[in-house]
Amino acid sequence: MAHAVDYAWAHKGKGDFVMYTSISPSRRLLHSWKEISAYTGRGVRTIQRYEVQFGFPVHRPAGSPRSAVLAFTDEIDQWLAGSPKRIDQLANEPTVTQTDQTKRMHSLFLKAQVSTQRAQAICQNLSATKALLDRLNDSLQRGLARRTGLTAKLAVDGQSSDSRSSRMSA
């Protein structure tokens, strides 16, 4: 049984007209992204994104991912009726950029944690080093005091021995 094919023109807006091929009253054939866009009331890039992300019903007669496209209005109507959540979720779903940004932020957070731990370890090492230097300084001060005290004692002892030897010689 042969289908009667009717051709019709539709006004897209801004002076653009697109031609639809009508196979039956409920099933029209759309021949390009521009026609599909005009039928759905969405932009060409949006429809192309819907195809990739959500399985928008388009057909490629040549089978190549970049070949011409065809779409049937009844399939589009069914897809649109069955997926209002998907369209609403577009605004709420994280995009690839948001996901990448989230990963980068998490990576930065982890690096900041590691840096904070390293800084804390360095502060602890500096405190321990300062305590050792303080002990060393105290030890040196005590040693210097003992040395000064011994030198003074030796000087006093030396003067007393000099006075004894001078008394002995006289």
N, C-alpha and C. Protein backbone atom coordinates (compact mmCIF):
# COMPACT_ATOMS: atom_id res chain seq x y z
N MET A 1 0.84 -1.17 0.00
CA MET A 1 0.00 0.00 0.00
C MET A 1 0.89 1.23 0.00
N ALA A 2 0.70 2.10 -0.92
CA ALA A 2 1.50 3.31 -1.03
C ALA A 2 0.88 4.40 -0.17
N HIS A 3 1.79 5.15 0.52
CA HIS A 3 1.33 6.27 1.33
C HIS A 3 1.25 7.51 0.46
N ALA A 4 0.23 8.27 0.71
CA ALA A 4 0.12 9.55 0.02
C ALA A 4 1.03 10.53 0.72
N VAL A 5 1.82 11.24 -0.02
CA VAL A 5 2.76 12.18 0.56
C VAL A 5 2.29 13.59 0.22
N ASP A 6 2.13 14.39 1.25
CA ASP A 6 1.76 15.79 1.08
C ASP A 6 2.92 16.64 1.55
N TYR A 7 3.13 17.76 0.90
CA TYR A 7 4.17 18.69 1.30
C TYR A 7 3.48 19.93 1.85
N ALA A 8 4.00 20.46 2.93
CA ALA A 8 3.42 21.65 3.54
C ALA A 8 4.54 22.57 3.97
N TRP A 9 4.23 23.84 4.01
CA TRP A 9 5.19 24.83 4.47
C TRP A 9 4.74 25.34 5.83
N ALA A 10 5.68 25.56 6.70
CA ALA A 10 5.34 26.10 8.02
C ALA A 10 6.24 27.30 8.28
N HIS A 11 5.68 28.26 8.97
CA HIS A 11 6.42 29.46 9.30
C HIS A 11 7.12 29.25 10.64
N LYS A 12 8.43 29.37 10.65
CA LYS A 12 9.20 29.18 11.88
C LYS A 12 9.26 30.48 12.67
N GLY A 13 9.22 31.57 12.02
CA GLY A 13 9.39 32.86 12.69
C GLY A 13 10.57 33.57 12.08
N LYS A 14 10.64 34.87 12.23
CA LYS A 14 11.71 35.69 11.68
C LYS A 14 11.84 35.51 10.17
N GLY A 15 10.73 35.23 9.49
CA GLY A 15 10.78 35.11 8.04
C GLY A 15 11.24 33.76 7.53
N ASP A 16 11.53 32.80 8.42
CA ASP A 16 11.98 31.47 7.99
C ASP A 16 10.78 30.55 7.77
N PHE A 17 10.81 29.86 6.67
CA PHE A 17 9.81 28.85 6.39
C PHE A 17 10.52 27.52 6.18
N VAL A 18 9.92 26.44 6.68
CA VAL A 18 10.48 25.11 6.47
C VAL A 18 9.43 24.22 5.86
N MET A 19 9.89 23.24 5.08
CA MET A 19 8.96 22.35 4.42
C MET A 19 8.86 21.04 5.19
N TYR A 20 7.63 20.61 5.46
CA TYR A 20 7.39 19.34 6.11
C TYR A 20 6.83 18.36 5.07
N THR A 21 7.22 17.11 5.21
CA THR A 21 6.64 16.07 4.37
C THR A 21 5.66 15.32 5.24
N SER A 22 4.42 15.26 4.81
CA SER A 22 3.39 14.61 5.60
C SER A 22 3.10 13.24 5.02
N ILE A 23 3.37 12.19 5.79
CA ILE A 23 3.10 10.83 5.35
C ILE A 23 1.68 10.46 5.72
N SER A 24 1.24 10.85 6.87
CA SER A 24 -0.14 10.66 7.32
C SER A 24 -0.47 11.84 8.21
N PRO A 25 -1.73 12.01 8.57
CA PRO A 25 -2.07 13.17 9.39
C PRO A 25 -1.31 13.21 10.73
N SER A 26 -0.98 12.05 11.30
CA SER A 26 -0.30 12.05 12.59
C SER A 26 1.21 11.84 12.46
N ARG A 27 1.67 11.56 11.27
CA ARG A 27 3.09 11.25 11.09
C ARG A 27 3.65 12.08 9.93
N ARG A 28 4.41 13.08 10.30
CA ARG A 28 5.08 13.89 9.28
C ARG A 28 6.57 13.62 9.37
N LEU A 29 7.25 13.77 8.27
CA LEU A 29 8.68 13.54 8.19
C LEU A 29 9.39 14.89 8.16
N LEU A 30 10.35 15.05 9.07
CA LEU A 30 11.14 16.28 9.12
C LEU A 30 12.51 15.95 8.56
N HIS A 31 13.04 16.76 7.66
CA HIS A 31 14.24 16.43 6.89
C HIS A 31 15.55 17.01 7.39
N SER A 32 15.54 17.89 8.37
CA SER A 32 16.79 18.53 8.78
C SER A 32 16.71 18.98 10.23
N TRP A 33 17.86 19.37 10.75
CA TRP A 33 17.90 19.91 12.10
C TRP A 33 17.01 21.15 12.19
N LYS A 34 17.02 21.95 11.14
CA LYS A 34 16.25 23.18 11.13
C LYS A 34 14.75 22.88 11.21
N GLU A 35 14.30 21.88 10.48
CA GLU A 35 12.89 21.51 10.52
C GLU A 35 12.51 20.92 11.89
N ILE A 36 13.39 20.09 12.43
CA ILE A 36 13.14 19.50 13.75
C ILE A 36 13.09 20.61 14.80
N SER A 37 14.01 21.55 14.69
CA SER A 37 14.06 22.68 15.61
C SER A 37 12.77 23.51 15.53
N ALA A 38 12.31 23.77 14.32
CA ALA A 38 11.08 24.55 14.14
C ALA A 38 9.88 23.80 14.71
N TYR A 39 9.84 22.51 14.53
CA TYR A 39 8.72 21.71 15.02
C TYR A 39 8.68 21.70 16.55
N THR A 40 9.82 21.55 17.19
CA THR A 40 9.86 21.44 18.65
C THR A 40 9.86 22.80 19.34
N GLY A 41 10.23 23.84 18.61
CA GLY A 41 10.29 25.16 19.22
C GLY A 41 11.56 25.36 20.04
N ARG A 42 12.55 24.54 19.79
CA ARG A 42 13.84 24.66 20.48
C ARG A 42 14.92 24.90 19.45
N GLY A 43 16.08 25.33 19.91
CA GLY A 43 17.18 25.60 18.98
C GLY A 43 17.81 24.33 18.43
N VAL A 44 18.48 24.48 17.31
CA VAL A 44 19.14 23.35 16.66
C VAL A 44 20.17 22.71 17.60
N ARG A 45 21.00 23.53 18.23
CA ARG A 45 22.03 22.98 19.15
C ARG A 45 21.38 22.24 20.34
N THR A 46 20.25 22.76 20.81
CA THR A 46 19.55 22.09 21.91
C THR A 46 19.07 20.72 21.47
N ILE A 47 18.49 20.63 20.29
CA ILE A 47 18.01 19.34 19.78
C ILE A 47 19.18 18.38 19.58
N GLN A 48 20.29 18.87 19.06
CA GLN A 48 21.47 18.02 18.88
C GLN A 48 21.99 17.52 20.23
N ARG A 49 21.96 18.39 21.23
CA ARG A 49 22.38 17.97 22.57
C ARG A 49 21.42 16.93 23.14
N TYR A 50 20.10 17.12 22.91
CA TYR A 50 19.11 16.15 23.36
C TYR A 50 19.37 14.78 22.71
N GLU A 51 19.78 14.79 21.46
CA GLU A 51 20.06 13.52 20.77
C GLU A 51 21.19 12.78 21.49
N VAL A 52 22.26 13.50 21.79
CA VAL A 52 23.44 12.87 22.40
C VAL A 52 23.16 12.48 23.85
N GLN A 53 22.58 13.38 24.62
CA GLN A 53 22.44 13.15 26.06
C GLN A 53 21.20 12.35 26.43
N PHE A 54 20.12 12.50 25.67
CA PHE A 54 18.85 11.90 26.10
C PHE A 54 18.20 11.00 25.05
N GLY A 55 18.87 10.74 23.96
CA GLY A 55 18.32 9.83 22.96
C GLY A 55 17.15 10.40 22.18
N PHE A 56 17.21 11.67 21.85
CA PHE A 56 16.16 12.29 21.03
C PHE A 56 16.01 11.50 19.73
N PRO A 57 14.78 11.18 19.31
CA PRO A 57 14.57 10.26 18.18
C PRO A 57 14.84 10.89 16.80
N VAL A 58 16.04 10.75 16.33
CA VAL A 58 16.37 11.14 14.96
C VAL A 58 16.93 9.91 14.24
N HIS A 59 16.80 9.92 12.94
CA HIS A 59 17.29 8.81 12.12
C HIS A 59 18.31 9.36 11.14
N ARG A 60 19.34 8.58 10.89
CA ARG A 60 20.39 8.98 9.95
C ARG A 60 20.42 7.94 8.83
N PRO A 61 19.86 8.29 7.67
CA PRO A 61 19.78 7.30 6.57
C PRO A 61 21.15 6.77 6.14
N ALA A 62 22.17 7.59 6.18
CA ALA A 62 23.49 7.12 5.75
C ALA A 62 24.19 6.33 6.85
N GLY A 63 23.69 6.40 8.07
CA GLY A 63 24.27 5.64 9.17
C GLY A 63 25.47 6.29 9.83
N SER A 64 25.98 7.34 9.25
CA SER A 64 27.14 8.03 9.80
C SER A 64 26.69 9.00 10.90
N PRO A 65 27.51 9.16 11.94
CA PRO A 65 27.12 10.07 13.01
C PRO A 65 27.00 11.52 12.57
N ARG A 66 27.59 11.88 11.44
CA ARG A 66 27.52 13.27 10.98
C ARG A 66 26.71 13.41 9.70
N SER A 67 25.92 12.38 9.37
CA SER A 67 25.14 12.45 8.14
C SER A 67 23.85 13.22 8.35
N ALA A 68 23.08 13.36 7.28
CA ALA A 68 21.80 14.06 7.34
C ALA A 68 20.87 13.34 8.31
N VAL A 69 19.90 14.09 8.83
CA VAL A 69 18.98 13.51 9.80
C VAL A 69 17.55 13.57 9.30
N LEU A 70 16.76 12.63 9.77
CA LEU A 70 15.32 12.59 9.54
C LEU A 70 14.66 12.34 10.89
N ALA A 71 13.47 12.87 11.06
CA ALA A 71 12.73 12.61 12.28
C ALA A 71 11.25 12.57 11.95
N PHE A 72 10.52 11.76 12.68
CA PHE A 72 9.08 11.65 12.51
C PHE A 72 8.40 12.38 13.65
N THR A 73 7.39 13.17 13.32
CA THR A 73 6.74 14.00 14.33
C THR A 73 6.08 13.17 15.41
N ASP A 74 5.51 12.01 15.07
CA ASP A 74 4.87 11.20 16.11
C ASP A 74 5.90 10.66 17.11
N GLU A 75 7.10 10.32 16.64
CA GLU A 75 8.16 9.87 17.54
C GLU A 75 8.63 11.01 18.45
N ILE A 76 8.74 12.21 17.86
CA ILE A 76 9.14 13.38 18.65
C ILE A 76 8.08 13.69 19.70
N ASP A 77 6.80 13.67 19.29
CA ASP A 77 5.72 13.94 20.24
C ASP A 77 5.73 12.93 21.38
N GLN A 78 5.94 11.67 21.05
CA GLN A 78 5.99 10.63 22.07
C GLN A 78 7.18 10.85 23.01
N TRP A 79 8.32 11.20 22.43
CA TRP A 79 9.53 11.44 23.25
C TRP A 79 9.32 12.63 24.18
N LEU A 80 8.76 13.71 23.64
CA LEU A 80 8.52 14.90 24.45
C LEU A 80 7.49 14.62 25.55
N ALA A 81 6.45 13.83 25.23
CA ALA A 81 5.43 13.52 26.23
C ALA A 81 5.98 12.61 27.33
N GLY A 82 6.90 11.75 26.97
CA GLY A 82 7.44 10.81 27.94
C GLY A 82 8.63 11.31 28.71
N SER A 83 9.11 12.48 28.40
CA SER A 83 10.33 12.93 29.08
C SER A 83 10.28 14.36 29.58
N PRO A 84 9.18 14.79 30.20
CA PRO A 84 9.20 16.15 30.73
C PRO A 84 10.19 16.30 31.89
N LYS A 85 10.42 15.21 32.62
CA LYS A 85 11.39 15.27 33.71
C LYS A 85 12.78 15.56 33.16
N ARG A 86 13.13 14.93 32.07
CA ARG A 86 14.45 15.12 31.49
C ARG A 86 14.67 16.58 31.09
N ILE A 87 13.67 17.16 30.51
CA ILE A 87 13.81 18.55 30.08
C ILE A 87 13.94 19.45 31.30
N ASP A 88 13.13 19.18 32.35
CA ASP A 88 13.23 19.98 33.57
C ASP A 88 14.55 19.75 34.27
N GLN A 89 15.09 18.54 34.17
CA GLN A 89 16.33 18.22 34.86
C GLN A 89 17.55 18.84 34.19
N LEU A 90 17.43 19.28 32.97
CA LEU A 90 18.58 19.88 32.30
C LEU A 90 19.16 21.02 33.13
N ALA A 91 18.31 21.83 33.71
CA ALA A 91 18.80 22.96 34.50
C ALA A 91 19.39 22.50 35.83
N ASN A 92 18.90 21.37 36.34
CA ASN A 92 19.34 20.90 37.66
C ASN A 92 20.52 19.93 37.60
N GLU A 93 20.73 19.27 36.48
CA GLU A 93 21.80 18.29 36.40
C GLU A 93 23.14 18.99 36.29
N PRO A 94 24.15 18.44 36.96
CA PRO A 94 25.47 19.05 36.82
C PRO A 94 26.01 18.85 35.42
N THR A 95 26.59 19.87 34.89
CA THR A 95 27.19 19.77 33.57
C THR A 95 28.59 19.20 33.70
N VAL A 96 29.19 18.89 32.58
CA VAL A 96 30.55 18.37 32.61
C VAL A 96 31.48 19.38 33.26
N THR A 97 31.25 20.66 32.97
CA THR A 97 32.09 21.71 33.54
C THR A 97 31.94 21.75 35.06
N GLN A 98 30.70 21.64 35.56
CA GLN A 98 30.48 21.64 37.00
C GLN A 98 31.13 20.43 37.64
N THR A 99 31.03 19.28 37.00
CA THR A 99 31.64 18.07 37.53
C THR A 99 33.16 18.22 37.57
N ASP A 100 33.75 18.73 36.50
CA ASP A 100 35.19 18.96 36.48
C ASP A 100 35.59 19.96 37.56
N GLN A 101 34.79 21.00 37.71
CA GLN A 101 35.09 22.02 38.72
C GLN A 101 35.00 21.41 40.11
N THR A 102 34.01 20.55 40.33
CA THR A 102 33.88 19.87 41.63
C THR A 102 35.10 19.00 41.90
N LYS A 103 35.57 18.28 40.90
CA LYS A 103 36.76 17.44 41.06
C LYS A 103 37.98 18.30 41.38
N ARG A 104 38.11 19.42 40.67
CA ARG A 104 39.25 20.32 40.93
C ARG A 104 39.19 20.89 42.34
N MET A 105 37.99 21.27 42.78
CA MET A 105 37.83 21.82 44.12
C MET A 105 38.17 20.76 45.17
N HIS A 106 37.74 19.52 44.94
CA HIS A 106 38.06 18.44 45.88
C HIS A 106 39.57 18.21 45.93
N SER A 107 40.21 18.23 44.76
CA SER A 107 41.65 18.06 44.70
C SER A 107 42.36 19.18 45.46
N LEU A 108 41.91 20.40 45.27
CA LEU A 108 42.49 21.54 46.00
C LEU A 108 42.27 21.40 47.50
N PHE A 109 41.10 20.92 47.89
CA PHE A 109 40.81 20.72 49.30
C PHE A 109 41.78 19.69 49.90
N LEU A 110 42.00 18.58 49.19
CA LEU A 110 42.92 17.56 49.68
C LEU A 110 44.35 18.09 49.78
N LYS A 111 44.77 18.87 48.78
CA LYS A 111 46.11 19.47 48.81
C LYS A 111 46.23 20.44 49.98
N ALA A 112 45.17 21.18 50.26
CA ALA A 112 45.19 22.12 51.39
C ALA A 112 45.30 21.36 52.71
N GLN A 113 44.61 20.23 52.81
CA GLN A 113 44.71 19.41 54.03
C GLN A 113 46.14 18.92 54.23
N VAL A 114 46.76 18.41 53.17
CA VAL A 114 48.13 17.92 53.25
C VAL A 114 49.07 19.06 53.63
N SER A 115 48.88 20.21 53.01
CA SER A 115 49.73 21.37 53.32
C SER A 115 49.56 21.81 54.77
N THR A 116 48.34 21.77 55.27
CA THR A 116 48.09 22.13 56.67
C THR A 116 48.80 21.15 57.61
N GLN A 117 48.72 19.86 57.31
CA GLN A 117 49.40 18.87 58.15
C GLN A 117 50.91 19.07 58.11
N ARG A 118 51.46 19.37 56.94
CA ARG A 118 52.90 19.63 56.84
C ARG A 118 53.29 20.87 57.64
N ALA A 119 52.47 21.91 57.54
CA ALA A 119 52.76 23.14 58.29
C ALA A 119 52.72 22.88 59.79
N GLN A 120 51.77 22.08 60.25
CA GLN A 120 51.70 21.74 61.67
C GLN A 120 52.93 20.95 62.10
N ALA A 121 53.38 20.00 61.27
CA ALA A 121 54.58 19.21 61.59
C ALA A 121 55.81 20.12 61.65
N ILE A 122 55.91 21.06 60.73
CA ILE A 122 57.04 22.00 60.73
C ILE A 122 57.02 22.84 62.01
N CYS A 123 55.83 23.30 62.42
CA CYS A 123 55.72 24.09 63.65
C CYS A 123 56.15 23.27 64.86
N GLN A 124 55.76 22.00 64.91
CA GLN A 124 56.17 21.14 66.02
C GLN A 124 57.69 20.95 66.02
N ASN A 125 58.26 20.73 64.83
CA ASN A 125 59.72 20.58 64.74
C ASN A 125 60.44 21.86 65.16
N LEU A 126 59.89 23.01 64.77
CA LEU A 126 60.50 24.28 65.19
C LEU A 126 60.44 24.47 66.70
N SER A 127 59.32 24.09 67.30
CA SER A 127 59.20 24.19 68.76
C SER A 127 60.21 23.29 69.45
N ALA A 128 60.36 22.06 68.95
CA ALA A 128 61.33 21.13 69.54
C ALA A 128 62.75 21.66 69.37
N THR A 129 63.05 22.22 68.20
CA THR A 129 64.38 22.78 67.95
C THR A 129 64.64 23.97 68.86
N LYS A 130 63.63 24.81 69.06
CA LYS A 130 63.80 25.97 69.96
C LYS A 130 64.07 25.50 71.39
N ALA A 131 63.35 24.46 71.84
CA ALA A 131 63.57 23.94 73.19
C ALA A 131 65.00 23.41 73.33
N LEU A 132 65.50 22.70 72.31
CA LEU A 132 66.89 22.21 72.35
C LEU A 132 67.89 23.35 72.38
N LEU A 133 67.64 24.38 71.56
CA LEU A 133 68.54 25.53 71.55
C LEU A 133 68.53 26.26 72.89
N ASP A 134 67.36 26.36 73.51
CA ASP A 134 67.28 27.00 74.83
C ASP A 134 68.09 26.19 75.85
N ARG A 135 67.98 24.86 75.83
CA ARG A 135 68.75 24.03 76.74
C ARG A 135 70.25 24.17 76.49
N LEU A 136 70.62 24.19 75.20
CA LEU A 136 72.04 24.36 74.85
C LEU A 136 72.56 25.71 75.34
N ASN A 137 71.77 26.76 75.16
CA ASN A 137 72.16 28.09 75.61
C ASN A 137 72.33 28.12 77.13
N ASP A 138 71.39 27.51 77.85
CA ASP A 138 71.51 27.45 79.32
C ASP A 138 72.78 26.71 79.73
N SER A 139 73.06 25.60 79.06
CA SER A 139 74.26 24.82 79.37
C SER A 139 75.52 25.63 79.10
N LEU A 140 75.53 26.35 77.98
CA LEU A 140 76.69 27.19 77.68
C LEU A 140 76.86 28.31 78.71
N GLN A 141 75.75 28.90 79.12
CA GLN A 141 75.81 29.96 80.13
C GLN A 141 76.37 29.42 81.45
N ARG A 142 75.90 28.24 81.86
CA ARG A 142 76.43 27.64 83.10
C ARG A 142 77.92 27.32 82.96
N GLY A 143 78.29 26.78 81.80
CA GLY A 143 79.70 26.47 81.55
C GLY A 143 80.55 27.72 81.58
N LEU A 144 80.08 28.78 80.98
CA LEU A 144 80.80 30.05 80.97
C LEU A 144 80.93 30.60 82.38
N ALA A 145 79.85 30.48 83.16
CA ALA A 145 79.89 30.97 84.54
C ALA A 145 80.91 30.17 85.36
N ARG A 146 80.91 28.85 85.17
CA ARG A 146 81.89 28.04 85.89
C ARG A 146 83.30 28.39 85.49
N ARG A 147 83.49 28.60 84.21
CA ARG A 147 84.82 28.94 83.69
C ARG A 147 85.27 30.28 84.24
N THR A 148 84.36 31.25 84.25
CA THR A 148 84.69 32.56 84.79
C THR A 148 84.99 32.45 86.28
N GLY A 149 84.18 31.64 86.96
CA GLY A 149 84.42 31.44 88.39
C GLY A 149 85.75 30.76 88.64
N LEU A 150 86.12 29.79 87.83
CA LEU A 150 87.40 29.10 87.98
C LEU A 150 88.56 30.03 87.66
N THR A 151 88.40 30.85 86.67
CA THR A 151 89.46 31.79 86.31
C THR A 151 89.68 32.78 87.43
N ALA A 152 88.59 33.24 88.00
CA ALA A 152 88.71 34.19 89.12
C ALA A 152 89.36 33.51 90.32
N LYS A 153 88.96 32.28 90.59
CA LYS A 153 89.54 31.54 91.70
C LYS A 153 91.01 31.28 91.47
N LEU A 154 91.34 30.94 90.20
CA LEU A 154 92.75 30.72 89.87
C LEU A 154 93.55 32.01 90.01
N ALA A 155 92.94 33.09 89.66
CA ALA A 155 93.63 34.38 89.77
C ALA A 155 93.87 34.70 91.24
N VAL A 156 92.87 34.44 92.05
CA VAL A 156 93.03 34.70 93.49
C VAL A 156 94.07 33.74 94.05
N ASP A 157 93.97 32.49 93.68
CA ASP A 157 94.95 31.50 94.14
C ASP A 157 96.34 31.85 93.63
N GLY A 158 96.43 32.32 92.42
CA GLY A 158 97.73 32.68 91.84
C GLY A 158 98.35 33.85 92.57
N GLN A 159 97.55 34.81 92.99
CA GLN A 159 98.08 35.97 93.73
C GLN A 159 98.55 35.52 95.11
N SER A 160 97.84 34.63 95.71
CA SER A 160 98.26 34.18 97.04
C SER A 160 99.52 33.34 96.94
N SER A 161 99.68 32.57 95.90
CA SER A 161 100.91 31.79 95.76
C SER A 161 102.07 32.71 95.42
N ASP A 162 101.83 33.79 94.67
CA ASP A 162 102.89 34.76 94.35
C ASP A 162 103.32 35.47 95.63
N SER A 163 102.39 35.79 96.46
CA SER A 163 102.76 36.48 97.70
C SER A 163 103.51 35.54 98.63
N ARG A 164 103.21 34.28 98.63
CA ARG A 164 103.95 33.32 99.45
C ARG A 164 105.38 33.17 98.95
N SER A 165 105.51 33.06 97.61
CA SER A 165 106.87 32.87 97.07
C SER A 165 107.69 34.12 97.29
N SER A 166 107.12 35.30 97.29
CA SER A 166 107.89 36.51 97.53
C SER A 166 108.26 36.60 98.99
N ARG A 167 107.43 36.09 99.85
CA ARG A 167 107.76 36.11 101.27
C ARG A 167 108.86 35.11 101.57
N MET A 168 108.88 34.04 100.87
CA MET A 168 109.89 33.02 101.09
C MET A 168 111.25 33.50 100.62
N SER A 169 111.28 34.24 99.59
CA SER A 169 112.56 34.68 99.09
C SER A 169 113.12 35.82 99.94
N ALA A 170 112.33 36.49 100.69
CA ALA A 170 112.84 37.57 101.48
C ALA A 170 113.35 37.18 102.78
